[in-house]
Protein backbone atom coordinates (compact mmCIF):
# COMPACT_ATOMS: atom_id res chain seq x y z
CA MET A 1 12.22 13.52 -32.23
CA LEU A 2 11.39 10.26 -30.46
CA ALA A 3 7.95 9.70 -29.04
CA PRO A 4 7.80 9.22 -25.27
CA VAL A 5 7.91 5.60 -24.19
CA THR A 6 4.72 4.38 -22.58
CA ILE A 7 5.12 1.82 -19.84
CA THR A 8 2.17 -0.49 -19.31
CA TRP A 9 1.55 -2.32 -16.06
CA ASN A 10 -1.11 -4.77 -15.02
CA LEU A 11 -2.17 -5.66 -11.51
CA LEU A 12 -0.19 -8.91 -11.55
CA ASP A 13 2.99 -6.98 -12.34
CA LEU A 14 2.28 -4.53 -9.55
CA ASP A 15 1.33 -7.24 -7.08
CA GLY A 16 4.52 -9.16 -7.82
CA ALA A 17 6.69 -6.07 -7.52
CA LEU A 18 5.14 -5.12 -4.19
CA ARG A 19 5.44 -8.65 -2.76
CA ALA A 20 9.09 -8.80 -3.77
CA SER A 21 9.70 -5.38 -2.20
CA TRP A 22 7.98 -5.71 1.17
CA ALA A 23 10.41 -6.30 4.05
CA ALA A 24 10.83 -5.59 7.73
CA ASP A 25 12.43 -2.20 6.98
CA THR A 26 9.34 -1.02 5.08
CA SER A 27 6.80 -2.44 7.54
CA SER A 28 5.14 -0.02 9.96
CA PRO A 29 7.36 0.71 12.96
CA ASP A 30 4.28 0.05 15.12
CA TYR A 31 4.22 -3.59 13.97
CA ARG A 32 7.77 -4.16 12.68
CA THR A 33 8.73 -6.62 15.40
CA GLU A 34 5.83 -8.84 14.27
CA TRP A 35 6.81 -8.75 10.58
CA ALA A 36 7.90 -12.11 9.14
CA PRO A 37 8.60 -13.42 5.60
CA ASP A 38 5.63 -15.79 5.85
CA ASN A 39 3.31 -12.76 6.20
CA PRO A 40 5.07 -10.14 4.04
CA ALA A 41 2.05 -7.81 3.73
CA TRP A 42 2.08 -7.23 7.51
CA GLY A 43 2.36 -3.52 8.29
CA HIS A 44 2.43 -2.38 4.65
CA CYS A 45 -1.15 -1.37 3.92
CA ASP A 46 -0.75 2.42 4.11
CA ILE A 47 2.31 2.81 1.91
CA THR A 48 1.11 0.09 -0.48
CA ALA A 49 -2.20 1.93 -0.90
CA LEU A 50 -0.28 5.15 -1.60
CA ILE A 51 1.80 3.49 -4.32
CA VAL A 52 -1.34 2.02 -5.93
CA ASN A 53 -2.80 5.53 -5.77
CA ASP A 54 0.35 6.90 -7.45
CA LEU A 55 -0.13 4.51 -10.35
CA PHE A 56 -3.90 4.33 -10.78
CA GLY A 57 -5.41 7.30 -8.92
CA GLY A 58 -8.77 6.88 -7.24
CA ASP A 59 -9.54 7.12 -3.53
CA LEU A 60 -7.71 6.04 -0.42
CA VAL A 61 -9.95 4.08 1.95
CA VAL A 62 -9.22 3.60 5.67
CA GLY A 63 -10.99 1.30 8.11
CA GLU A 64 -10.58 0.36 11.74
CA VAL A 65 -9.00 -3.01 12.56
CA HIS A 66 -10.62 -4.92 15.44
CA LEU A 67 -9.58 -8.16 17.12
CA ASP A 68 -11.59 -9.68 19.96
CA GLY A 69 -13.66 -6.49 20.24
CA GLU A 70 -10.63 -4.20 20.62
CA GLN A 71 -9.35 -1.75 18.03
CA HIS A 72 -5.84 -2.56 16.79
CA GLY A 73 -5.03 0.29 14.44
CA TYR A 74 -6.20 1.05 10.92
CA HIS A 75 -6.14 -0.61 7.53
CA TRP A 76 -5.72 1.20 4.18
CA TRP A 77 -6.73 0.12 0.67
CA ASN A 78 -7.79 1.66 -2.63
CA ARG A 79 -10.95 2.46 -4.54
CA LEU A 80 -9.93 2.73 -8.19
CA PRO A 81 -11.47 5.41 -10.45
CA ASN A 82 -13.91 2.82 -11.86
CA GLY A 83 -15.24 2.10 -8.34
CA VAL A 84 -13.49 -1.26 -7.84
CA GLU A 85 -11.98 -1.66 -4.38
CA LEU A 86 -8.47 -3.09 -4.42
CA ASP A 87 -6.79 -4.34 -1.26
CA LEU A 88 -3.36 -5.84 -1.93
CA THR A 89 -2.53 -6.34 1.76
CA ARG A 90 -5.77 -7.76 3.20
CA GLU A 91 -4.14 -11.19 3.59
CA GLN A 92 -1.99 -9.87 6.47
CA PHE A 93 -4.87 -10.48 8.87
CA LEU A 94 -4.33 -14.08 9.94
CA ARG A 95 -5.76 -13.91 13.47
CA GLY A 96 -9.38 -13.15 12.58
CA GLU A 97 -9.12 -9.37 12.56
CA LEU A 98 -12.19 -7.53 11.28
CA VAL A 99 -12.03 -4.27 9.36
CA SER A 100 -14.96 -1.89 9.79
CA ALA A 101 -15.96 1.79 9.66
CA ALA A 102 -14.43 2.29 6.19
CA ARG A 103 -14.16 5.86 4.98
CA VAL A 104 -12.47 7.69 2.13
CA VAL A 105 -9.63 9.96 3.22
CA GLU A 106 -7.75 12.67 1.40
CA ARG A 107 -4.16 11.95 0.48
CA PRO A 108 -1.85 14.07 2.61
CA PRO A 109 -0.15 16.73 0.45
CA GLY A 110 3.61 16.58 0.09
CA PRO A 111 5.77 14.38 2.29
CA LEU A 112 3.77 12.07 4.52
CA PRO A 113 3.61 13.13 8.17
CA ARG A 114 4.85 9.65 9.11
CA ARG A 115 6.26 6.69 7.16
CA TRP A 116 7.82 8.94 4.47
CA ASP A 117 11.14 7.06 4.49
CA GLU A 118 9.44 3.66 4.25
CA TYR A 119 7.19 4.91 1.44
CA LEU A 120 10.18 6.19 -0.55
CA LEU A 121 12.11 2.96 0.02
CA LEU A 122 9.17 0.82 -1.10
CA ARG A 123 8.62 3.07 -4.17
CA THR A 124 12.30 2.71 -5.08
CA ARG A 125 12.14 -1.08 -4.82
CA VAL A 126 8.92 -1.29 -6.84
CA ALA A 127 10.33 1.07 -9.50
CA ALA A 128 13.42 -1.14 -9.80
CA ARG A 129 11.07 -3.96 -10.84
CA LEU A 130 8.49 -2.04 -12.90
CA GLY A 131 10.39 0.95 -14.26
CA GLU A 132 9.88 4.61 -13.50
CA LEU A 133 6.71 5.32 -11.52
CA PRO A 134 4.58 8.43 -11.97
CA GLU A 135 4.99 11.12 -9.35
CA PRO A 136 2.30 11.22 -6.67
CA ALA A 137 -0.74 13.28 -7.65
């Protein structure tokens, strides 16, 4: 009997796979019209954080995005099991947006209430570059 194959990833592999997989069709519908190839992370924080969580576990962190004193949605990132915070989409904020009021949130069980199709599409694209991904926890 053959031993199971172990796939090893590093953050550079994951970062490259995500960057190559982000596109307008996986960006948030709320911000899709503003998505552009020169800012590929735009509108991808939530589903990117979920994929990082699929691979490494840890906590999902959400903060409020503010620009010129007004709230403009939310931003998601990860706190890995060792306590390191990892934000692979922070660069999307090019206009001076500030993220505040960070809090840990529970991952929604089962299919996401919104953005499920975009999440699955992004997962499929990342898996095509990295190999099979673990199922969500």
